[in-house]
Structure formats: C-alpha cells, structure tokens
C-alpha cells in the first residue's frame, strides 16, 4: 500500500509539473471567434494550447513576423502566409518544410493551385488555407433583357454584350474593375494576361509578360475604358471594395469577386440583386483560356519553433480536409481540398459552388519569386501609366520588364554577399 501511494504521488507530481506545450500565432481580427473556438477544441483533444496575437490585418502583421524571424523565429510558432510570400520566407530560411508530414492522401486531395501556392522549388511549406481566387460574376436577369441566356466565353462577345446593355439603358457602365495603383491591379492583370494566353516569366525568371500576348492583354484593358467605354473610368481609383459596392447595388452587370461571392450577393441586407447573380468562367480571348487569378494563403511553421511536430498537428487540425470543411461551413473560408468541395453538406450550403469548382481548375498564381513585393510595386506603377494613357501598353510593359531584371539582379547580388 505504501509503495502504491509513493507511485501515485510521483505520478501526481509529474502531472502537476509537466510543462504544457504552448504554440503562438499572429493574425488579424477577422474570424477571431472561430479561431478561439477551434483552439479550445484542439486544446481539449491534445493538451496543446495555442495563443493568438491579434493585429490590424494587413498592417503590422508582416512587420512583427519578419522581426520575429530575424530574432530567431521563436516568438510565433505557426502563422498564415500568402502564396506570394512563400519564396521570400523560404529563401531566408524562415519557414520549415512539411514534406515529412505531407502524406500522399493529402497531396491527392488538394486542389492543385491551392497546394502549389504553398510550394517552392519542389518542397512544400504549408497547408492550404483561405484558398480563394477571383470569380467572374454576372447578373443573369440583366443579360436576359438583351437576349442572352448564357454569358459570352470570349472577350469580343463580352464587349458586344456590354454595348447592348448600355445602349438599352440597363446600366451606365457594364462593368467595373479594381484598377487603382495597388496590388489589386496586379491581380486583375494576372487574370487578363492569362486569359490572353500570356505568362510572366520563362523558366529562367526572365520577363516575357511584355511580349505580344502581354501587350494585347493590357491594350484590351485600356480599350475597355476608352475605346469601348464599357468600364466605369472610376475603376482607375477603385479597389475591390468599390467594385463590390457597384455589384451589390446592381450598378454594373458583371465583375470579379474574391471568396464565395453568392453568399453576399444573395444576402438581402447588402445586395439589391438577390437571386439574380451567377458565377461564370472567366472569359478569354479565344474562349479556351478561362483562367483567373489565385490568392491562396496557408498555415506555415516557423523555423524557430521548439515544437515542430505539435505545430504541424495544429495546422493539420485547422487546415487539413476535416478542419477545412468545418471552416467552410462555419466561417465561409474557401477550402483547398477536393473532398470538401465534393462534400454534400458544403455543396448544398451555397448555390453556384459547382461553377466555382470548375473555375478552380483554371487558376494561375501571381509570380512566385522572392523579390515579388518590389516587382509588384514597379508593375503597379507601369500598368497604371498605361491605363491612364501616360504610356503605351508596350512602353509600360517594357519598363516593367526592365525593372524586373534590375530587381532580380540586385536581389541575387545581395544573396551572394
């Protein structure tokens, strides 16, 4: 009996003084209640506690993350990373590869673009999270009034439809875009460039976006404003926020939206076109390249974490197929897994998901280069000069290509020091 009590006391002391594993993360206030609920469930199941540092989204999150990485990467164990940030973090050694935990089942279940957004040079660095892209949306009732049952597949057809809508007085401008000199302009150019069959760089990361297809794509953007006059010229100062307002107010007949658009478009509290809007494939120059732009994020693990195994268990819990289904149903977070898109409960939750899923097979990323942020700023400036007719499309893209080569050379020079 005495021996038993000694053993029992020892066990109690071990339990009492055993260190509780804690993981730390950082993100913005959006969906905070959902994360708190999921973190509690993870703690109940594993005994691992996850602490959240909340910062204003899009402001000092990256500053704090990079400061943490430069100081050893121990402050935040796991974090959300944008697809365009992956190369930079990998090149600097700030993020752990997850190949050893990424099973074939997970690889096969992932929607290709969503997982590829977390990959770099043949290795994976995170699980898909908020695996969104820009969907093309159009007002079914408006186009019916001018004799259309389906939205055109080609850009020529789009121009023809847009003119009919405006001539009939249904809308003043058929469309609007987020073409302010910001990241949103690059996103829209990526989609339109791809719809013309163009791309940004060759296999050696030399710019090719200033070739014939690139010039045609940018010229078409310019023509939509000035030649065809089917785009609200205010688009030159608009981000997605203003475009969404125009869509919700039925001021335009077609546009592009992130996330799961029909959730908001069918919400009578914010939309005047409930039940009128549909998801369509992105138009293209030939009807054969219906590509849109991706914006996937993922959950990644800091190189400085002391608990890599537990960190992966957490991101798998939150962002793996089961967690992604929960997030899609409860928080409307766009899943990056085929099994979720094929799940009847998710499919029945929102209309239009089948067409969205079809678009998911035609998605392109913004350039995957470690010097993307500097390049994006240069590209935004030159694209906007073309759209405001300060430069021709060819001159603007040539200047952006030269800037890309300079930024690339400076980056490589800095890596050699």
Protein backbone atom coordinates (compact mmCIF):
# COMPACT_ATOMS: atom_id res chain seq x y z
CA UNK A 1 0.00 0.00 0.00
CA UNK A 2 2.83 2.36 0.91
CA UNK A 3 4.57 1.58 -2.38
CA UNK A 4 1.36 2.25 -4.25
CA UNK A 5 0.96 5.65 -2.55
CA UNK A 6 4.54 6.59 -3.43
CA UNK A 7 3.92 5.73 -7.08
CA UNK A 8 0.63 7.62 -7.08
CA UNK A 9 2.28 10.69 -5.54
CA UNK A 10 5.06 10.57 -8.13
CA UNK A 11 2.51 10.41 -10.91
CA UNK A 12 0.65 13.38 -9.49
CA UNK A 13 3.85 15.40 -9.25
CA UNK A 14 4.71 14.58 -12.87
CA UNK A 15 1.27 15.73 -13.98
CA UNK A 16 1.47 18.83 -11.80
CA UNK A 17 4.87 19.99 -13.01
CA UNK A 18 4.74 18.72 -16.59
CA UNK A 19 5.17 21.57 -18.98
CA UNK A 20 2.09 22.42 -21.02
CA UNK A 21 3.11 22.84 -24.63
CA UNK A 22 2.09 26.22 -25.98
CA UNK A 23 2.14 27.43 -29.56
CA UNK A 24 1.93 31.08 -30.54
CA UNK A 25 0.48 32.63 -33.67
CA UNK A 26 -0.39 36.03 -35.07
CA UNK A 27 -3.15 37.29 -37.37
CA UNK A 28 -5.86 39.90 -37.80
CA UNK A 29 -9.24 40.21 -36.07
CA UNK A 30 -11.32 38.61 -38.84
CA UNK A 31 -12.99 35.33 -37.75
CA UNK A 32 -11.33 35.65 -34.34
CA UNK A 33 -14.26 33.99 -32.56
CA UNK A 34 -13.99 30.99 -34.85
CA UNK A 35 -10.26 30.58 -34.18
CA UNK A 36 -10.79 30.81 -30.42
CA UNK A 37 -13.42 28.08 -30.61
CA UNK A 38 -11.17 25.80 -32.70
CA UNK A 39 -8.14 26.44 -30.48
CA UNK A 40 -10.14 25.37 -27.45
CA UNK A 41 -11.16 22.16 -29.20
CA UNK A 42 -7.54 21.48 -30.15
CA UNK A 43 -6.51 22.00 -26.53
CA UNK A 44 -9.25 19.65 -25.31
CA UNK A 45 -8.07 16.95 -27.72
CA UNK A 46 -4.30 17.33 -27.40
CA UNK A 47 -3.49 19.39 -24.31
CA UNK A 48 -1.58 21.83 -26.53
CA UNK A 49 -2.52 25.45 -26.04
CA UNK A 50 -2.46 27.94 -28.92
CA UNK A 51 -2.11 31.63 -28.07
CA UNK A 52 -3.13 34.35 -30.52
CA UNK A 53 -1.60 37.79 -31.01
CA UNK A 54 -4.18 39.92 -32.79
CA UNK A 55 -3.01 42.78 -35.01
CA UNK A 56 -4.77 45.03 -37.53
CA UNK A 57 -4.94 42.93 -40.70
CA UNK A 58 -2.57 43.98 -43.45
CA UNK A 59 -0.62 46.45 -41.34
CA UNK A 60 1.95 45.33 -38.80
CA UNK A 61 1.45 41.57 -39.00
CA UNK A 62 4.25 41.06 -41.54
CA UNK A 63 6.48 43.56 -39.74
CA UNK A 64 6.11 41.62 -36.49
CA UNK A 65 6.60 38.29 -38.24
CA UNK A 66 9.77 39.35 -40.01
CA UNK A 67 11.13 40.90 -36.81
CA UNK A 68 10.47 37.57 -35.09
CA UNK A 69 12.26 35.67 -37.85
CA UNK A 70 15.29 37.95 -37.68
CA UNK A 71 15.42 37.38 -33.92
CA UNK A 72 15.42 33.58 -34.21
CA UNK A 73 11.84 32.76 -35.16
CA UNK A 74 10.76 31.60 -31.71
CA UNK A 75 8.10 34.23 -31.00
CA UNK A 76 5.50 32.77 -33.38
CA UNK A 77 5.44 29.03 -33.98
CA UNK A 78 2.78 29.00 -36.70
CA UNK A 79 1.49 31.72 -38.97
CA UNK A 80 -0.61 32.40 -42.04
CA UNK A 81 1.45 33.03 -45.15
CA UNK A 82 0.34 34.42 -48.51
CA UNK A 83 1.34 32.46 -51.61
CA UNK A 84 3.47 35.36 -52.90
CA UNK A 85 5.42 35.44 -49.62
CA UNK A 86 6.47 31.77 -49.69
CA UNK A 87 9.59 32.24 -51.89
CA UNK A 88 10.86 35.11 -49.72
CA UNK A 89 10.39 33.15 -46.49
CA UNK A 90 11.97 30.01 -47.95
CA UNK A 91 14.98 31.84 -49.41
CA UNK A 92 15.61 33.40 -45.99
CA UNK A 93 15.19 30.10 -44.16
CA UNK A 94 12.28 31.38 -42.08
CA UNK A 95 9.82 28.55 -42.68
CA UNK A 96 10.03 24.80 -42.14
CA UNK A 97 9.30 22.36 -44.97
CA UNK A 98 6.47 19.97 -44.14
CA UNK A 99 7.30 17.22 -46.67
CA UNK A 100 7.86 14.59 -43.97
CA UNK A 101 4.27 15.00 -42.75
CA UNK A 102 2.54 15.65 -46.06
CA UNK A 103 1.07 12.26 -46.97
CA UNK A 104 0.14 11.10 -50.46
CA UNK A 105 -3.52 11.21 -49.43
CA UNK A 106 -3.19 14.91 -48.63
CA UNK A 107 -1.35 15.61 -51.88
CA UNK A 108 -4.01 13.82 -53.92
CA UNK A 109 -6.87 15.54 -52.10
CA UNK A 110 -5.52 19.07 -52.50
CA UNK A 111 -6.76 21.27 -55.33
CA UNK A 112 -3.54 21.71 -57.37
CA UNK A 113 -3.30 25.51 -57.26
CA UNK A 114 -4.01 25.62 -53.50
CA UNK A 115 -1.19 23.27 -52.55
CA UNK A 116 1.16 24.64 -55.22
CA UNK A 117 0.71 28.05 -53.62
CA UNK A 118 2.49 26.65 -50.57
CA UNK A 119 5.29 25.04 -52.60
CA UNK A 120 8.65 26.35 -53.74
CA UNK A 121 11.41 24.61 -55.68
CA UNK A 122 9.89 21.18 -55.22
CA UNK A 123 9.13 21.31 -51.49
CA UNK A 124 6.01 22.20 -49.50
CA UNK A 125 5.91 24.77 -46.74
CA UNK A 126 2.32 24.88 -45.54
CA UNK A 127 -1.22 23.57 -45.80
CA UNK A 128 -3.81 25.47 -47.88
CA UNK A 129 -5.98 27.97 -46.03
CA UNK A 130 -8.31 30.60 -47.48
CA UNK A 131 -7.72 29.03 -50.88
CA UNK A 132 -9.57 31.69 -52.81
CA UNK A 133 -9.47 33.06 -56.31
CA UNK A 134 -11.32 35.80 -58.17
CA UNK A 135 -14.62 34.50 -59.51
CA UNK A 136 -16.31 36.07 -62.52
CA UNK A 137 -19.88 37.05 -61.65
CA UNK A 138 -22.67 38.34 -63.87
CA UNK A 139 -26.30 39.42 -63.46
CA UNK A 140 -28.45 36.81 -65.17
CA UNK A 141 -31.56 38.99 -65.28
CA UNK A 142 -29.78 41.91 -66.89
CA UNK A 143 -28.28 39.91 -69.75
CA UNK A 144 -31.65 38.21 -70.36
CA UNK A 145 -33.14 41.63 -71.12
CA UNK A 146 -30.85 41.92 -74.16
CA UNK A 147 -31.39 38.36 -75.35
CA UNK A 148 -28.61 36.40 -73.64
CA UNK A 149 -29.22 33.12 -71.80
CA UNK A 150 -25.53 32.49 -71.20
CA UNK A 151 -22.59 34.79 -70.62
CA UNK A 152 -20.12 35.01 -73.56
CA UNK A 153 -16.93 32.96 -73.40
CA UNK A 154 -14.79 35.35 -75.45
CA UNK A 155 -13.76 38.95 -74.76
CA UNK A 156 -15.19 40.02 -78.12
CA UNK A 157 -18.50 38.58 -77.04
CA UNK A 158 -18.24 40.41 -73.71
CA UNK A 159 -17.72 43.74 -75.49
CA UNK A 160 -20.73 43.11 -77.72
CA UNK A 161 -22.93 42.21 -74.74
CA UNK A 162 -21.70 45.19 -72.72
CA UNK A 163 -22.57 47.64 -75.51
CA UNK A 164 -26.08 46.19 -75.79
CA UNK A 165 -26.61 46.53 -72.04
CA UNK A 166 -25.56 50.17 -72.12
CA UNK A 167 -27.49 51.03 -75.29
CA UNK A 168 -30.62 49.55 -73.69
CA UNK A 169 -30.12 51.79 -70.65
CA UNK A 170 -29.91 48.84 -68.27
CA UNK A 171 -26.61 50.09 -66.84
CA UNK A 172 -24.49 53.16 -67.48
CA UNK A 173 -21.32 51.07 -67.46
CA UNK A 174 -21.48 47.33 -67.94
CA UNK A 175 -18.52 46.63 -65.66
CA UNK A 176 -16.02 47.97 -63.15
CA UNK A 177 -12.60 46.73 -62.06
CA UNK A 178 -10.15 47.27 -59.20
CA UNK A 179 -7.51 49.17 -61.15
CA UNK A 180 -6.17 51.56 -58.54
CA UNK A 181 -2.36 51.57 -58.37
CA UNK A 182 -2.33 48.82 -55.78
CA UNK A 183 -1.93 45.04 -55.54
CA UNK A 184 -5.50 44.58 -56.80
CA UNK A 185 -4.41 45.95 -60.20
CA UNK A 186 -1.70 43.29 -60.46
CA UNK A 187 -4.23 40.59 -59.56
CA UNK A 188 -6.60 41.69 -62.34
CA UNK A 189 -3.74 41.92 -64.84
CA UNK A 190 -2.62 38.38 -63.95
CA UNK A 191 -6.11 37.10 -64.75
CA UNK A 192 -6.49 39.04 -68.01
CA UNK A 193 -2.93 38.27 -69.15
CA UNK A 194 -3.58 34.56 -68.61
CA UNK A 195 -6.91 34.82 -70.44
CA UNK A 196 -4.89 36.00 -73.45
CA UNK A 197 -2.55 33.01 -73.12
CA UNK A 198 0.31 35.03 -71.67
CA UNK A 199 2.60 34.48 -68.71
CA UNK A 200 5.05 36.49 -66.62
CA UNK A 201 8.44 34.75 -66.67
CA UNK A 202 10.24 31.96 -68.50
CA UNK A 203 11.98 29.06 -66.76
CA UNK A 204 15.00 31.29 -66.01
CA UNK A 205 12.80 34.02 -64.46
CA UNK A 206 13.35 36.35 -67.40
CA UNK A 207 10.28 38.54 -68.06
CA UNK A 208 8.06 37.61 -71.01
CA UNK A 209 4.94 39.50 -69.98
CA UNK A 210 5.90 42.28 -72.39
CA UNK A 211 5.55 40.00 -75.41
CA UNK A 212 2.73 40.20 -77.96
CA UNK A 213 0.19 38.48 -75.69
CA UNK A 214 1.02 40.74 -72.78
CA UNK A 215 0.66 43.87 -74.88
CA UNK A 216 -2.66 42.62 -76.27
CA UNK A 217 -3.96 41.97 -72.75
CA UNK A 218 -3.02 45.43 -71.45
CA UNK A 219 -4.28 47.11 -74.62
CA UNK A 220 -7.62 45.39 -74.09
CA UNK A 221 -7.80 46.78 -70.56
CA UNK A 222 -7.12 50.26 -71.94
CA UNK A 223 -9.68 49.79 -74.71
CA UNK A 224 -12.39 48.71 -72.29
CA UNK A 225 -12.14 52.15 -70.69
CA UNK A 226 -11.58 54.48 -73.65
CA UNK A 227 -12.43 52.73 -76.93
CA UNK A 228 -15.39 50.57 -75.95
CA UNK A 229 -16.31 52.65 -72.87
CA UNK A 230 -17.77 49.62 -71.09
CA UNK A 231 -15.82 50.03 -67.84
CA UNK A 232 -16.53 52.75 -65.32
CA UNK A 233 -13.47 55.07 -65.57
CA UNK A 234 -13.63 55.47 -61.80
CA UNK A 235 -12.11 51.99 -61.78
CA UNK A 236 -8.72 53.70 -62.12
CA UNK A 237 -9.01 54.65 -58.46
CA UNK A 238 -11.03 51.68 -57.23
CA UNK A 239 -10.07 48.66 -55.17
CA UNK A 240 -12.31 45.62 -54.71
CA UNK A 241 -14.30 47.49 -52.05
CA UNK A 242 -15.74 49.96 -54.57
CA UNK A 243 -16.28 47.27 -57.20
CA UNK A 244 -18.26 45.20 -54.71
CA UNK A 245 -20.47 48.19 -53.90
CA UNK A 246 -21.25 48.60 -57.58
CA UNK A 247 -22.12 44.91 -57.84
CA UNK A 248 -24.26 44.89 -54.70
CA UNK A 249 -26.14 47.96 -55.96
CA UNK A 250 -26.76 46.39 -59.40
CA UNK A 251 -24.90 49.35 -60.91
CA UNK A 252 -22.96 47.03 -63.21
CA UNK A 253 -23.74 43.75 -64.95
CA UNK A 254 -20.51 41.80 -64.45
CA UNK A 255 -17.28 41.88 -62.45
CA UNK A 256 -14.94 39.84 -60.29
CA UNK A 257 -15.08 38.92 -56.61
CA UNK A 258 -12.91 37.03 -54.13
CA UNK A 259 -14.20 34.37 -51.75
CA UNK A 260 -17.60 32.72 -52.22
CA UNK A 261 -19.45 35.60 -53.95
CA UNK A 262 -23.01 34.32 -53.97
CA UNK A 263 -23.13 34.23 -50.17
CA UNK A 264 -23.09 38.03 -50.08
CA UNK A 265 -24.89 38.54 -53.38
CA UNK A 266 -27.86 36.56 -52.05
CA UNK A 267 -27.89 38.49 -48.78
CA UNK A 268 -30.80 40.99 -48.91
CA UNK A 269 -29.17 43.14 -46.23
CA UNK A 270 -26.37 44.17 -48.58
CA UNK A 271 -27.43 43.14 -52.09
CA UNK A 272 -30.12 44.54 -54.40
CA UNK A 273 -29.73 41.59 -56.77
CA UNK A 274 -30.63 38.62 -54.58
CA UNK A 275 -31.07 35.55 -56.76
CA UNK A 276 -30.02 37.44 -59.90
CA UNK A 277 -26.26 36.90 -59.90
CA UNK A 278 -24.42 33.82 -61.18
CA UNK A 279 -20.88 32.51 -61.26
CA UNK A 280 -19.34 32.15 -64.70
CA UNK A 281 -15.99 31.05 -66.06
CA UNK A 282 -13.57 33.87 -66.79
CA UNK A 283 -13.87 34.97 -70.44
CA UNK A 284 -10.77 34.72 -72.63
CA UNK A 285 -9.53 35.96 -75.98
CA UNK A 286 -10.34 32.65 -77.70
CA UNK A 287 -12.81 31.06 -75.30
CA UNK A 288 -10.18 28.40 -74.50
CA UNK A 289 -8.21 30.03 -71.66
CA UNK A 290 -10.71 30.77 -68.86
CA UNK A 291 -8.02 31.49 -66.31
CA UNK A 292 -8.44 33.58 -63.19
CA UNK A 293 -6.02 34.73 -60.50
CA UNK A 294 -5.36 32.90 -57.25
CA UNK A 295 -4.99 34.35 -53.79
CA UNK A 296 -4.39 31.30 -51.59
CA UNK A 297 -2.88 31.51 -48.16
CA UNK A 298 -1.64 28.70 -45.97
CA UNK A 299 -0.65 27.78 -42.45
CA UNK A 300 3.12 27.53 -42.10
CA UNK A 301 5.61 26.67 -39.34
CA UNK A 302 8.42 28.95 -38.18
CA UNK A 303 11.95 27.62 -38.44
CA UNK A 304 12.50 28.67 -34.82
CA UNK A 305 9.68 26.67 -33.23
CA UNK A 306 10.63 24.28 -30.45
CA UNK A 307 7.60 22.12 -31.18
CA UNK A 308 7.55 21.33 -34.92
CA UNK A 309 5.54 18.11 -34.59
CA UNK A 310 2.84 19.74 -32.48
CA UNK A 311 2.85 22.73 -34.81
CA UNK A 312 2.08 20.50 -37.78
CA UNK A 313 -0.62 18.68 -35.83
CA UNK A 314 -2.24 22.05 -35.21
CA UNK A 315 -2.16 23.24 -38.81
CA UNK A 316 -3.45 19.84 -39.94
CA UNK A 317 -6.24 20.08 -37.36
CA UNK A 318 -7.17 23.56 -38.51
CA UNK A 319 -6.41 23.49 -42.23
CA UNK A 320 -6.45 19.80 -43.23
CA UNK A 321 -9.51 18.40 -45.04
CA UNK A 322 -11.60 17.88 -41.89
CA UNK A 323 -10.71 21.27 -40.44
CA UNK A 324 -11.25 22.97 -43.80
CA UNK A 325 -14.76 21.51 -44.01
CA UNK A 326 -15.54 22.89 -40.57
CA UNK A 327 -14.11 26.29 -41.54
CA UNK A 328 -16.05 26.36 -44.80
CA UNK A 329 -19.35 25.54 -43.10
CA UNK A 330 -18.94 27.77 -40.05
CA UNK A 331 -16.77 30.65 -41.23
CA UNK A 332 -17.16 30.64 -45.02
CA UNK A 333 -13.42 30.09 -45.55
CA UNK A 334 -12.73 28.87 -49.07
CA UNK A 335 -11.37 25.29 -48.88
CA UNK A 336 -8.39 24.00 -50.84
CA UNK A 337 -9.37 20.32 -50.75
CA UNK A 338 -11.31 18.35 -53.35
CA UNK A 339 -13.06 16.29 -50.68
CA UNK A 340 -14.56 19.43 -49.16
CA UNK A 341 -15.82 20.76 -52.48
CA UNK A 342 -17.37 17.36 -53.16
CA UNK A 343 -18.93 17.10 -49.69
CA UNK A 344 -22.77 17.18 -49.98
CA UNK A 345 -23.16 19.32 -46.86
CA UNK A 346 -20.88 22.00 -48.29
CA UNK A 347 -22.30 21.73 -51.83
CA UNK A 348 -25.84 22.21 -50.53
CA UNK A 349 -24.92 25.19 -48.37
CA UNK A 350 -24.41 27.72 -51.16
CA UNK A 351 -25.59 27.80 -54.76
CA UNK A 352 -23.05 28.22 -57.51
CA UNK A 353 -20.35 26.05 -55.95
CA UNK A 354 -20.22 23.68 -58.93
CA UNK A 355 -19.29 26.50 -61.29
CA UNK A 356 -16.82 27.87 -58.74
CA UNK A 357 -15.17 24.45 -58.50
CA UNK A 358 -14.93 24.32 -62.30
CA UNK A 359 -13.07 27.64 -62.25
CA UNK A 360 -10.70 26.22 -59.60
CA UNK A 361 -9.19 24.04 -62.34
CA UNK A 362 -8.19 27.19 -64.27
CA UNK A 363 -6.22 29.23 -61.79
CA UNK A 364 -2.85 31.00 -62.07
CA UNK A 365 -0.63 32.49 -59.37
CA UNK A 366 0.99 35.85 -59.28
CA UNK A 367 4.75 35.48 -59.96
CA UNK A 368 6.44 33.12 -57.48
CA UNK A 369 9.71 34.98 -56.95
CA UNK A 370 11.44 36.02 -53.69
CA UNK A 371 11.58 39.62 -54.90
CA UNK A 372 7.86 39.78 -55.66
CA UNK A 373 6.97 42.71 -53.40
CA UNK A 374 9.46 45.05 -55.08
CA UNK A 375 8.44 43.82 -58.52
CA UNK A 376 4.75 44.24 -57.79
CA UNK A 377 5.24 47.89 -56.84
CA UNK A 378 7.07 48.56 -60.11
CA UNK A 379 4.47 46.70 -62.14
CA UNK A 380 1.58 48.54 -60.49
CA UNK A 381 3.13 51.87 -61.43
CA UNK A 382 3.68 50.94 -65.08
CA UNK A 383 0.28 49.29 -65.54
CA UNK A 384 -1.40 52.38 -64.15
CA UNK A 385 0.58 54.63 -66.51
CA UNK A 386 -0.79 52.60 -69.42
CA UNK A 387 -4.34 52.68 -68.09
CA UNK A 388 -4.17 56.46 -67.63
CA UNK A 389 -2.62 56.80 -71.12
CA UNK A 390 0.65 58.26 -69.88
CA UNK A 391 2.41 55.45 -71.75
CA UNK A 392 1.51 52.97 -74.43
CA UNK A 393 0.91 49.39 -73.21
CA UNK A 394 4.12 48.25 -74.91
CA UNK A 395 6.23 51.01 -73.36
CA UNK A 396 4.75 50.41 -69.92
CA UNK A 397 5.34 46.65 -70.03
CA UNK A 398 8.88 47.09 -71.39
CA UNK A 399 9.64 49.44 -68.49
CA UNK A 400 8.18 46.93 -66.01
CA UNK A 401 10.28 44.17 -67.59
CA UNK A 402 13.45 46.24 -67.22
CA UNK A 403 12.53 46.96 -63.61
CA UNK A 404 12.05 43.23 -63.02
CA UNK A 405 15.52 42.43 -64.37
CA UNK A 406 17.08 45.14 -62.21
CA UNK A 407 15.26 43.98 -59.05
CA UNK A 408 16.21 40.38 -59.78
CA UNK A 409 19.90 41.29 -60.28
CA UNK A 410 20.00 43.33 -57.08
CA UNK A 411 18.40 40.51 -55.13
CA UNK A 412 20.87 37.93 -56.47
CA UNK A 413 23.78 40.25 -55.77
CA UNK A 414 22.61 40.66 -52.20
CA UNK A 415 22.33 36.88 -51.76
CA UNK A 416 25.96 36.41 -52.77
CA UNK A 417 27.32 38.74 -50.06
